[in-house]
């Protein structure tokens, strides 16, 4: 099985964040950490195989959802989807 991971991406107009499974690009959304963690096994993503699109997205998610002990670290300035 090919490794899959989620990238938490841009904030949407409805208040959710884009959640993209890579490498296939399956597009979902998440409104909380519970949405992210519950989605992992359902869509074949290993626990903690989650990253942020970029630093500003990390900051927006922390502001919206708060910190979580299992959340990914703040990424370097590179873009995870490039």
Protein backbone atom coordinates (compact mmCIF):
# COMPACT_ATOMS: atom_id res chain seq x y z
CA UNK A 1 0.00 0.00 0.00
CA UNK A 2 1.27 3.46 -0.90
CA UNK A 3 1.79 5.84 2.00
CA UNK A 4 -0.94 8.45 2.30
CA UNK A 5 -1.06 11.59 4.39
CA UNK A 6 -3.32 14.56 4.95
CA UNK A 7 -2.43 18.19 4.47
CA UNK A 8 -4.50 20.72 6.39
CA UNK A 9 -4.90 23.58 3.94
CA UNK A 10 -6.66 26.84 3.34
CA UNK A 11 -9.49 28.24 5.43
CA UNK A 12 -12.75 28.08 3.50
CA UNK A 13 -15.62 30.59 3.51
CA UNK A 14 -17.74 28.20 5.61
CA UNK A 15 -15.16 28.18 8.44
CA UNK A 16 -13.76 24.72 7.68
CA UNK A 17 -10.25 23.98 6.49
CA UNK A 18 -9.34 22.04 3.37
CA UNK A 19 -8.08 18.54 4.14
CA UNK A 20 -6.30 16.99 1.17
CA UNK A 21 -5.15 13.38 1.06
CA UNK A 22 -1.90 12.94 -0.80
CA UNK A 23 -0.64 11.67 -3.10
CA UNK A 24 -4.03 11.21 -4.82
CA UNK A 25 -5.49 14.65 -4.01
CA UNK A 26 -8.76 13.49 -2.43
CA UNK A 27 -10.37 16.71 -1.15
CA UNK A 28 -12.23 16.80 2.18
CA UNK A 29 -12.85 19.43 4.85
CA UNK A 30 -12.41 19.55 8.61
CA UNK A 31 -13.95 21.80 11.25
CA UNK A 32 -12.00 20.50 14.27
CA UNK A 33 -9.18 18.23 15.41
CA UNK A 34 -11.82 15.53 15.97
CA UNK A 35 -12.70 15.70 12.26
CA UNK A 36 -9.05 15.25 11.31
CA UNK A 37 -8.35 12.32 13.63
CA UNK A 38 -11.65 10.53 12.87
CA UNK A 39 -11.00 10.84 9.13
CA UNK A 40 -7.54 9.23 9.20
CA UNK A 41 -8.52 5.55 9.58
CA UNK A 42 -11.61 5.96 7.41
CA UNK A 43 -9.49 7.17 4.48
CA UNK A 44 -6.42 4.97 4.98
CA UNK A 45 -4.13 7.59 6.51
CA UNK A 46 -1.86 6.58 9.37
CA UNK A 47 -2.31 8.31 12.69
CA UNK A 48 -0.15 11.44 12.80
CA UNK A 49 0.46 11.39 9.04
CA UNK A 50 -0.88 14.91 8.94
CA UNK A 51 0.90 18.15 8.11
CA UNK A 52 0.04 21.78 7.55
CA UNK A 53 0.12 23.42 4.15
CA UNK A 54 2.34 26.19 5.51
CA UNK A 55 3.12 28.26 8.60
CA UNK A 56 0.26 30.73 8.20
CA UNK A 57 -2.21 27.83 7.92
CA UNK A 58 -0.80 26.36 11.13
CA UNK A 59 -1.38 29.67 12.88
CA UNK A 60 -4.98 29.95 11.59
CA UNK A 61 -5.80 26.38 12.68
CA UNK A 62 -4.37 26.96 16.16
CA UNK A 63 -6.42 30.14 16.45
CA UNK A 64 -9.61 28.39 15.28
CA UNK A 65 -9.25 24.97 16.95
CA UNK A 66 -6.66 25.49 19.66
CA UNK A 67 -3.60 23.35 20.23
CA UNK A 68 -3.82 19.57 20.36
CA UNK A 69 -1.15 17.28 21.86
CA UNK A 70 -1.07 15.20 18.66
CA UNK A 71 -1.09 18.07 16.17
CA UNK A 72 1.70 18.33 13.60
CA UNK A 73 4.48 20.80 14.15
CA UNK A 74 4.61 24.15 12.39
CA UNK A 75 6.18 23.57 8.99
CA UNK A 76 9.10 25.42 7.51
CA UNK A 77 8.28 28.13 5.01
CA UNK A 78 7.99 25.68 2.07
CA UNK A 79 4.57 24.69 0.72
CA UNK A 80 3.56 21.05 1.39
CA UNK A 81 1.62 20.74 -1.88
CA UNK A 82 4.35 22.01 -4.19
